[in-house]
Amino acid sequence: MPVNMISKLLEKAVLPGVDIAPPVKIGGSRRTGVLRNPNMEKLQKGYLFPEISIKHEEHLKKYPDAKVISLGIGDTTEPIPSIVASAMAEYALALSTREGYQGYGPEQGHKNLRKAIADKVYPDMGIKETEVFISDGAQCDIARLQMLFGPNVTIAVQDPTFPGYVDNGVIMGQTGKADSTGKYAGIEYMRCAPENAFFPDLSRVRRTDVIFFCSPNNPTGHAASRDQLRQLVDFARRNGSIVVFDSAYSSYVSPSSGAPASIYEIPGAREVAIEVSSFSKFAGFTGVRLGWAVVPDELLYSDGSPVSRDFDRVVSTCFNGASSIAQAGGLACLATEEGRDAVRRVVGVYRENARVLVDTFASMGKEVYGGADAPYVWVRFPGRRSWDVFAEILEKTHVITVPGSGFGPGGEGFIRVSAFNSPDRVVEACDRLKSFLA
């Protein structure tokens, strides 16, 4: 039957209880009869980091000869250690042989990598390899977890916070609309500011089903203390909540700080917490894409069923497993002391960059936080709008930062400065910033 005849029949068809919107032609395009997900309309503007990329491109059009230095998006710049890259190259070359070729792997990840993460990242914490799910990155795991939880849960986030937690919740239908301050109805915003040591007053936090918590925090750079995380775990246990703990920057925690690198260092956390993490920021895998989630067997829904069983189902349904080549690289990061030393040296470069940035802003009398246990520096500009500060710094110094308000209402008046760049570029950026902010 010709397409135009089918279209006419659909326009005339009336099904009980069903309204079919007829296709509408606009210019050269043609509308379908499919309604848009109404939750997409709730999202505010564009996602933060693509918005910054647009500003970057606009700036280069205005100043084509400018040598822009990016201290904005947290994208690594140091080369992947050769021992890690070689492992991926060898695996890739083996795929060209009959003996070395492998197709689909387990959706949950290769057993040897799952075991290496359990043994090396979580020593003496009781994590089993079967509780580790290999992924293509922590941000992707956050989206899969939101799918797992569904639209009917309530969520809490730190304020300021990584925007992915909020935006995925909005898309899933877990929220209402945003108000004039940018806060979404239905989300509990847990204020984390210098005035409360970057940890919320939990006695004033409304109970929610799920609590998203990042430590060391993106964007503030604060690593929660052992006592703070104990309070968080106790709060979740009292309220029957699940903590989604994002430890993507745990490798930056200084041993001298005493801050836990994992939520599972806290007694009782296995019963209330899921942890997500990534190879991106300590091994340079931002483009390679590899991460993991830990879902303990003891974590149960209110009906007594295990959360891990449902997460396994989501992973098996929505994911064909992380790249086997990437997993070979991940194993090289962890399996030998040589690999672990190599990635520690990379982290050391960014930690030194962060120290230089902190010293630079402090020398100019700025109120500066973070940088000691994280690759991010959080700088306050009292009475200023974050996007205005971002724009002025970019205009006058050709340095890209991130406006704090992009991380939530609590970030207004701050900018986030990333240590992810080469040491010489960071030093040059600091010289430019001194000339502008002096």
Protein backbone atom coordinates (compact mmCIF):
# COMPACT_ATOMS: atom_id res chain seq x y z
CA MET A 1 0.00 0.00 0.00
CA PRO A 2 1.43 3.44 -0.88
CA VAL A 3 2.76 5.45 2.05
CA ASN A 4 0.41 8.39 1.41
CA MET A 5 -2.62 6.05 1.60
CA ILE A 6 -1.40 4.61 4.94
CA SER A 7 -0.97 8.14 6.26
CA LYS A 8 -4.53 9.07 5.27
CA LEU A 9 -5.92 5.94 6.90
CA LEU A 10 -4.04 6.71 10.11
CA GLU A 11 -5.37 10.26 10.13
CA LYS A 12 -8.94 8.93 9.97
CA ALA A 13 -8.48 5.96 12.29
CA VAL A 14 -9.98 6.19 15.75
CA LEU A 15 -8.90 3.63 18.32
CA PRO A 16 -10.68 3.33 21.68
CA GLY A 17 -8.90 5.47 24.25
CA VAL A 18 -6.09 6.41 21.87
CA ASP A 19 -5.49 9.78 20.25
CA ILE A 20 -3.22 9.63 17.23
CA ALA A 21 -1.64 12.92 16.27
CA PRO A 22 -1.48 13.10 12.47
CA PRO A 23 1.90 13.79 10.91
CA VAL A 24 2.41 17.50 10.27
CA LYS A 25 4.75 18.79 7.61
CA ILE A 26 6.80 21.88 8.49
CA GLY A 27 9.07 23.27 5.81
CA GLY A 28 11.23 20.40 4.62
CA SER A 29 10.65 18.34 7.76
CA ARG A 30 7.78 16.13 8.79
CA ARG A 31 6.53 15.66 12.34
CA THR A 32 5.79 12.19 13.65
CA GLY A 33 2.88 11.34 15.90
CA VAL A 34 5.24 10.57 18.80
CA LEU A 35 4.99 12.77 21.87
CA ARG A 36 8.19 14.17 23.31
CA ASN A 37 9.32 12.90 26.72
CA PRO A 38 7.92 15.73 28.89
CA ASN A 39 10.85 15.41 31.29
CA MET A 40 13.22 16.67 28.59
CA GLU A 41 11.44 20.01 28.71
CA LYS A 42 12.38 20.37 32.39
CA LEU A 43 16.12 20.36 31.69
CA GLN A 44 17.76 23.75 32.05
CA LYS A 45 19.65 24.96 28.99
CA GLY A 46 22.32 22.59 27.74
CA TYR A 47 24.53 20.22 29.69
CA LEU A 48 27.28 22.23 31.41
CA PHE A 49 30.40 20.99 29.65
CA PRO A 50 29.09 21.16 26.06
CA GLU A 51 27.98 24.71 26.90
CA ILE A 52 31.55 25.55 27.86
CA SER A 53 32.82 23.98 24.63
CA ILE A 54 30.48 26.29 22.71
CA LYS A 55 31.88 29.31 24.61
CA HIS A 56 35.38 28.07 23.75
CA GLU A 57 34.57 27.89 20.03
CA GLU A 58 32.98 31.33 20.06
CA HIS A 59 36.06 32.75 21.76
CA LEU A 60 38.36 31.26 19.13
CA LYS A 61 36.26 32.80 16.37
CA LYS A 62 36.66 36.17 18.06
CA TYR A 63 40.38 35.67 18.80
CA PRO A 64 41.66 33.17 16.19
CA ASP A 65 45.29 33.65 17.24
CA ALA A 66 44.66 33.26 20.97
CA LYS A 67 46.52 30.51 22.77
CA VAL A 68 43.67 29.28 24.91
CA ILE A 69 44.57 27.23 27.99
CA SER A 70 41.83 24.96 29.25
CA LEU A 71 41.52 24.50 32.99
CA GLY A 72 37.86 23.75 32.56
CA ILE A 73 36.45 20.34 31.72
CA GLY A 74 38.19 17.58 33.66
CA ASP A 75 39.87 15.98 30.66
CA THR A 76 43.28 14.44 31.27
CA THR A 77 46.26 15.53 29.20
CA GLU A 78 49.21 13.36 30.32
CA PRO A 79 50.01 10.35 28.09
CA ILE A 80 48.77 6.95 29.19
CA PRO A 81 51.73 5.07 30.75
CA SER A 82 53.51 2.90 28.20
CA ILE A 83 53.02 -0.29 30.20
CA VAL A 84 49.26 0.29 30.00
CA ALA A 85 49.17 1.36 26.35
CA SER A 86 51.38 -1.61 25.41
CA ALA A 87 48.96 -4.04 27.07
CA MET A 88 46.09 -2.60 25.02
CA ALA A 89 48.16 -2.67 21.82
CA GLU A 90 49.17 -6.30 22.35
CA TYR A 91 45.57 -7.30 22.99
CA ALA A 92 44.42 -5.43 19.88
CA LEU A 93 47.09 -7.07 17.71
CA ALA A 94 46.15 -10.49 19.06
CA LEU A 95 42.64 -9.94 17.72
CA SER A 96 44.11 -10.22 14.22
CA THR A 97 45.10 -13.84 14.87
CA ARG A 98 42.88 -16.90 15.01
CA GLU A 99 44.34 -17.89 18.38
CA GLY A 100 43.98 -14.44 19.93
CA TYR A 101 40.62 -13.37 18.57
CA GLN A 102 37.79 -12.94 21.08
CA GLY A 103 34.29 -11.63 20.54
CA TYR A 104 31.71 -10.75 23.15
CA GLY A 105 32.90 -10.91 26.71
CA PRO A 106 30.80 -11.12 29.88
CA GLU A 107 28.51 -8.10 30.27
CA GLN A 108 29.75 -7.75 33.85
CA GLY A 109 33.40 -7.62 32.76
CA HIS A 110 36.32 -10.00 32.54
CA LYS A 111 36.86 -12.02 35.70
CA ASN A 112 40.57 -11.15 36.03
CA LEU A 113 39.86 -7.40 36.02
CA ARG A 114 36.96 -7.73 38.44
CA LYS A 115 39.23 -9.65 40.80
CA ALA A 116 42.07 -7.12 40.43
CA ILE A 117 39.72 -4.27 41.38
CA ALA A 118 38.35 -6.20 44.37
CA ASP A 119 41.85 -7.10 45.58
CA LYS A 120 43.81 -3.92 44.80
CA VAL A 121 41.25 -1.11 45.11
CA TYR A 122 39.31 -2.58 48.03
CA PRO A 123 41.83 -4.55 50.12
CA ASP A 124 40.47 -5.75 53.46
CA MET A 125 37.02 -4.30 52.72
CA GLY A 126 35.28 -7.58 51.99
CA ILE A 127 34.51 -6.78 48.34
CA LYS A 128 34.15 -9.88 46.16
CA GLU A 129 34.89 -9.96 42.44
CA THR A 130 31.25 -10.93 41.76
CA GLU A 131 30.16 -7.62 43.33
CA VAL A 132 32.25 -5.62 40.82
CA PHE A 133 30.62 -4.67 37.51
CA ILE A 134 32.97 -3.35 34.82
CA SER A 135 31.58 -0.50 32.71
CA ASP A 136 32.44 2.16 30.17
CA GLY A 137 32.72 4.85 32.84
CA ALA A 138 31.20 6.17 36.05
CA GLN A 139 28.93 8.64 34.26
CA CYS A 140 27.38 5.80 32.25
CA ASP A 141 26.90 3.81 35.45
CA ILE A 142 25.07 6.75 37.01
CA ALA A 143 22.59 6.70 34.11
CA ARG A 144 22.15 2.93 34.42
CA LEU A 145 21.58 3.26 38.16
CA GLN A 146 18.93 5.91 37.56
CA MET A 147 17.27 3.48 35.16
CA LEU A 148 17.48 0.80 37.85
CA PHE A 149 15.86 3.03 40.48
CA GLY A 150 13.07 4.17 38.16
CA PRO A 151 10.89 7.30 38.25
CA ASN A 152 9.28 6.83 41.66
CA VAL A 153 12.29 7.26 43.96
CA THR A 154 13.26 10.48 45.72
CA ILE A 155 16.87 11.67 45.48
CA ALA A 156 19.27 13.91 47.38
CA VAL A 157 22.42 15.54 46.03
CA GLN A 158 25.22 17.66 47.39
CA ASP A 159 24.95 21.32 46.48
CA PRO A 160 27.12 22.05 44.55
CA THR A 161 27.30 18.71 42.76
CA PHE A 162 28.24 16.98 39.52
CA PRO A 163 25.32 17.83 37.18
CA GLY A 164 24.94 14.29 35.84
CA TYR A 165 23.18 13.12 39.00
CA VAL A 166 20.51 15.79 38.68
CA ASP A 167 20.04 15.73 34.91
CA ASN A 168 19.65 11.96 34.77
CA GLY A 169 17.10 12.18 37.56
CA VAL A 170 15.17 14.82 35.63
CA ILE A 171 15.14 12.72 32.45
CA MET A 172 13.94 9.68 34.43
CA GLY A 173 11.00 11.65 35.83
CA GLN A 174 12.18 11.74 39.44
CA THR A 175 11.70 15.51 39.77
CA GLY A 176 9.36 18.38 39.20
CA LYS A 177 10.25 21.60 37.42
CA ALA A 178 13.11 23.91 38.34
CA ASP A 179 12.42 27.12 40.25
CA SER A 180 14.01 30.52 39.72
CA THR A 181 17.10 29.48 41.69
CA GLY A 182 17.66 26.42 39.51
CA LYS A 183 16.53 23.89 42.11
CA TYR A 184 14.25 21.10 40.93
CA ALA A 185 11.15 20.23 42.91
CA GLY A 186 11.48 16.79 44.46
CA ILE A 187 15.28 16.90 44.91
CA GLU A 188 16.78 17.38 48.34
CA TYR A 189 19.73 19.77 47.95
CA MET A 190 22.31 19.20 50.69
CA ARG A 191 24.26 22.42 51.05
CA CYS A 192 28.03 21.83 51.14
CA ALA A 193 29.91 25.08 51.68
CA PRO A 194 33.01 26.38 53.47
CA GLU A 195 30.74 27.44 56.33
CA ASN A 196 29.77 23.82 57.12
CA ALA A 197 33.10 22.16 56.20
CA PHE A 198 31.59 21.06 52.88
CA PHE A 199 29.36 18.52 54.63
CA PRO A 200 25.60 18.86 55.09
CA ASP A 201 23.85 19.18 58.43
CA LEU A 202 22.11 15.81 58.18
CA SER A 203 19.72 16.69 61.01
CA ARG A 204 18.11 19.13 58.58
CA VAL A 205 18.17 16.87 55.50
CA ARG A 206 14.87 15.36 54.40
CA ARG A 207 14.81 11.59 54.04
CA THR A 208 15.13 10.37 50.43
CA ASP A 209 15.40 6.95 48.83
CA VAL A 210 18.74 7.62 47.13
CA ILE A 211 21.61 9.91 48.14
CA PHE A 212 24.24 10.83 45.54
CA PHE A 213 27.52 11.68 47.24
CA CYS A 214 30.89 12.38 45.60
CA SER A 215 34.16 12.35 47.55
CA PRO A 216 36.65 13.75 46.81
CA ASN A 217 34.01 16.11 45.59
CA ASN A 218 33.56 17.45 42.11
CA PRO A 219 33.55 20.50 42.03
CA THR A 220 34.73 21.63 45.50
CA GLY A 221 37.71 19.28 45.79
CA HIS A 222 36.77 18.39 49.38
CA ALA A 223 37.48 14.85 50.59
CA ALA A 224 35.00 13.86 53.28
CA SER A 225 36.58 12.85 56.58
CA ARG A 226 36.08 9.46 58.17
CA ASP A 227 33.72 10.98 60.73
CA GLN A 228 31.69 12.71 58.00
CA LEU A 229 31.28 9.49 56.03
CA ARG A 230 30.36 7.63 59.22
CA GLN A 231 27.59 10.18 59.73
CA LEU A 232 26.43 9.63 56.14
CA VAL A 233 26.33 5.83 56.48
CA ASP A 234 24.51 6.06 59.82
CA PHE A 235 22.00 8.48 58.30
CA ALA A 236 21.33 6.11 55.39
CA ARG A 237 20.95 3.13 57.71
CA ARG A 238 18.45 4.96 59.94
CA ASN A 239 16.40 6.08 56.98
CA GLY A 240 16.60 2.97 54.80
CA SER A 241 18.27 4.94 52.01
CA ILE A 242 20.81 3.90 49.38
CA VAL A 243 23.99 5.96 48.99
CA VAL A 244 25.48 6.13 45.50
CA PHE A 245 29.08 6.98 46.34
CA ASP A 246 31.15 8.41 43.48
CA SER A 247 34.85 7.78 44.17
CA ALA A 248 36.18 8.72 40.73
CA TYR A 249 38.88 10.92 42.32
CA SER A 250 39.85 8.64 45.20
CA SER A 251 43.39 8.16 43.85
CA TYR A 252 44.04 11.84 44.63
CA VAL A 253 43.42 11.47 48.37
CA SER A 254 46.61 12.25 50.23
CA PRO A 255 47.63 9.50 52.68
CA SER A 256 48.33 12.18 55.26
CA SER A 257 44.75 13.50 55.13
CA GLY A 258 43.23 10.37 56.62
CA ALA A 259 40.18 10.73 54.37
CA PRO A 260 38.68 7.41 53.24
CA ALA A 261 39.16 6.53 49.58
CA SER A 262 36.08 4.30 49.61
CA ILE A 263 32.73 4.31 51.38
CA TYR A 264 33.39 0.66 52.25
CA GLU A 265 36.04 1.72 54.73
CA ILE A 266 33.09 2.69 56.94
CA PRO A 267 31.42 -0.10 58.97
CA GLY A 268 27.92 -0.89 57.76
CA ALA A 269 28.37 0.69 54.33
CA ARG A 270 27.94 -2.61 52.51
CA GLU A 271 24.29 -2.64 53.59
CA VAL A 272 23.47 0.82 52.22
CA ALA A 273 25.97 1.86 49.53
CA ILE A 274 26.79 1.41 45.86
CA GLU A 275 30.16 2.76 44.75
CA VAL A 276 30.98 3.93 41.22
CA SER A 277 34.47 4.77 40.02
CA SER A 278 36.55 5.19 36.90
CA PHE A 279 39.94 4.74 35.26
CA SER A 280 39.55 8.13 33.57
CA LYS A 281 41.17 10.43 36.09
CA PHE A 282 44.00 8.27 37.42
CA ALA A 283 44.99 6.36 34.28
CA GLY A 284 44.11 8.84 31.53
CA PHE A 285 41.20 6.77 30.21
CA THR A 286 38.88 9.69 29.46
CA GLY A 287 38.83 8.65 25.80
CA VAL A 288 39.44 4.93 26.34
CA ARG A 289 36.35 4.64 28.60
CA LEU A 290 36.51 2.21 31.51
CA GLY A 291 34.99 2.23 34.97
CA TRP A 292 33.19 0.05 37.47
CA ALA A 293 30.39 -0.14 39.99
CA VAL A 294 30.36 -2.14 43.22
CA VAL A 295 26.98 -3.47 44.36
CA PRO A 296 27.37 -5.52 47.55
CA ASP A 297 25.35 -8.66 48.12
CA GLU A 298 24.06 -7.28 51.44
CA LEU A 299 22.35 -4.31 49.76
CA LEU A 300 18.64 -5.16 49.71
CA TYR A 301 15.39 -3.53 48.64
CA SER A 302 12.58 -3.07 51.15
CA ASP A 303 11.10 -6.41 50.03
CA GLY A 304 14.34 -8.22 50.83
CA SER A 305 15.43 -8.82 47.24
CA PRO A 306 19.08 -8.04 46.32
CA VAL A 307 19.80 -4.84 44.43
CA SER A 308 22.73 -6.56 42.67
CA ARG A 309 20.38 -8.98 40.93
CA ASP A 310 18.43 -6.15 39.32
CA PHE A 311 21.58 -4.22 38.44
CA ASP A 312 22.96 -7.34 36.77
CA ARG A 313 19.73 -7.51 34.76
CA VAL A 314 20.03 -3.86 33.70
CA VAL A 315 23.67 -4.33 32.69
CA SER A 316 22.88 -7.50 30.74
CA THR A 317 19.97 -5.82 28.97
CA CYS A 318 21.48 -2.43 28.16
CA PHE A 319 25.16 -3.15 27.77
CA ASN A 320 27.34 -5.61 25.85
CA GLY A 321 30.25 -5.14 28.20
CA ALA A 322 33.20 -2.75 28.25
CA SER A 323 35.74 -2.92 25.43
CA SER A 324 38.02 -5.92 25.93
CA ILE A 325 40.93 -3.76 24.77
CA ALA A 326 40.15 -1.17 27.43
CA GLN A 327 39.86 -3.92 30.04
CA ALA A 328 43.34 -5.18 29.09
CA GLY A 329 44.62 -1.68 29.82
CA GLY A 330 42.73 -1.52 33.10
CA LEU A 331 44.28 -4.80 34.20
CA ALA A 332 47.75 -3.45 33.36
CA CYS A 333 47.08 -0.49 35.68
CA LEU A 334 46.39 -2.72 38.66
CA ALA A 335 47.89 -6.19 38.24
CA THR A 336 51.58 -5.34 38.74
CA GLU A 337 53.51 -2.97 40.97
CA GLU A 338 55.04 -1.47 37.81
CA GLY A 339 51.60 -0.60 36.48
CA ARG A 340 50.44 0.84 39.79
CA ASP A 341 53.59 2.96 40.08
CA ALA A 342 53.10 4.27 36.53
CA VAL A 343 49.59 5.53 37.16
CA ARG A 344 50.63 6.98 40.54
CA ARG A 345 53.22 9.08 38.71
CA VAL A 346 50.51 10.44 36.41
CA VAL A 347 48.35 11.34 39.40
CA GLY A 348 51.40 13.03 40.94
CA VAL A 349 51.66 15.40 37.97
CA TYR A 350 48.08 16.60 38.43
CA ARG A 351 48.40 16.83 42.21
CA GLU A 352 51.42 19.11 41.78
CA ASN A 353 49.48 21.20 39.26
CA ALA A 354 46.69 21.55 41.82
CA ARG A 355 49.18 22.71 44.44
CA VAL A 356 50.51 25.38 42.06
CA LEU A 357 46.98 26.60 41.38
CA VAL A 358 46.10 26.76 45.07
CA ASP A 359 49.31 28.70 45.85
CA THR A 360 48.61 31.09 42.97
CA PHE A 361 45.10 32.01 44.10
CA ALA A 362 46.15 32.16 47.75
CA SER A 363 49.01 34.51 46.90
CA MET A 364 46.47 36.88 45.39
CA GLY A 365 44.36 36.85 48.54
CA LYS A 366 41.59 34.75 47.06
CA GLU A 367 39.44 32.39 49.11
CA VAL A 368 40.49 29.04 47.68
CA TYR A 369 39.53 25.46 48.56
CA GLY A 370 40.29 21.95 47.32
CA GLY A 371 43.44 20.98 45.47
CA ALA A 372 44.94 18.92 48.31
CA ASP A 373 42.96 15.70 47.80
CA ALA A 374 41.49 16.33 44.36
CA PRO A 375 42.48 17.73 40.97
CA TYR A 376 40.02 20.62 41.35
CA VAL A 377 40.45 24.03 42.93
CA TRP A 378 37.35 25.91 44.11
CA VAL A 379 37.72 29.70 44.20
CA ARG A 380 35.20 32.16 45.65
CA PHE A 381 34.43 35.55 44.08
CA PRO A 382 32.09 37.21 46.59
CA GLY A 383 29.25 39.21 45.08
CA ARG A 384 30.03 38.06 41.53
CA ARG A 385 28.00 35.83 39.24
CA SER A 386 29.94 32.73 38.23
CA TRP A 387 29.26 33.01 34.51
CA ASP A 388 30.40 36.65 34.61
CA VAL A 389 33.69 35.66 36.25
CA PHE A 390 34.12 32.83 33.74
CA ALA A 391 33.51 35.22 30.82
CA GLU A 392 35.83 37.90 32.15
CA ILE A 393 38.69 35.48 32.80
CA LEU A 394 38.31 33.97 29.34
CA GLU A 395 38.15 37.39 27.68
CA LYS A 396 41.18 38.83 29.48
CA THR A 397 43.45 35.82 29.92
CA HIS A 398 42.28 33.24 27.32
CA VAL A 399 41.99 30.72 30.19
CA ILE A 400 38.94 28.48 30.46
CA THR A 401 37.52 27.70 33.89
CA VAL A 402 34.08 26.42 34.92
CA PRO A 403 31.37 28.62 36.46
CA GLY A 404 30.38 27.25 39.85
CA SER A 405 26.68 27.82 39.26
CA GLY A 406 26.81 25.06 36.65
CA PHE A 407 27.07 22.64 39.58
CA GLY A 408 23.94 23.92 41.29
CA PRO A 409 22.72 26.99 43.18
CA GLY A 410 25.33 26.43 45.90
CA GLY A 411 28.09 27.02 43.35
CA GLU A 412 27.09 30.58 42.57
CA GLY A 413 29.93 32.98 43.29
CA PHE A 414 32.62 30.33 42.71
CA ILE A 415 34.64 29.02 39.77
CA ARG A 416 36.17 25.57 39.44
CA VAL A 417 39.72 25.39 38.10
CA SER A 418 41.04 22.05 36.88
CA ALA A 419 44.59 20.76 37.33
CA PHE A 420 44.28 18.65 34.20
CA ASN A 421 46.86 20.13 31.88
CA SER A 422 50.59 19.96 31.36
CA PRO A 423 52.71 21.59 34.10
CA ASP A 424 54.08 24.27 31.78
CA ARG A 425 50.60 25.24 30.62
CA VAL A 426 49.36 25.43 34.21
CA VAL A 427 52.27 27.71 35.14
CA GLU A 428 51.54 29.93 32.11
CA ALA A 429 47.87 30.05 33.03
CA CYS A 430 48.78 31.08 36.58
CA ASP A 431 50.98 33.90 35.24
CA ARG A 432 48.05 35.16 33.13
CA LEU A 433 45.63 34.90 36.04
CA LYS A 434 47.98 36.86 38.29
CA SER A 435 48.11 39.70 35.78
CA PHE A 436 44.31 39.77 35.57
CA LEU A 437 43.38 39.23 39.20
CA ALA A 438 46.20 41.21 40.83
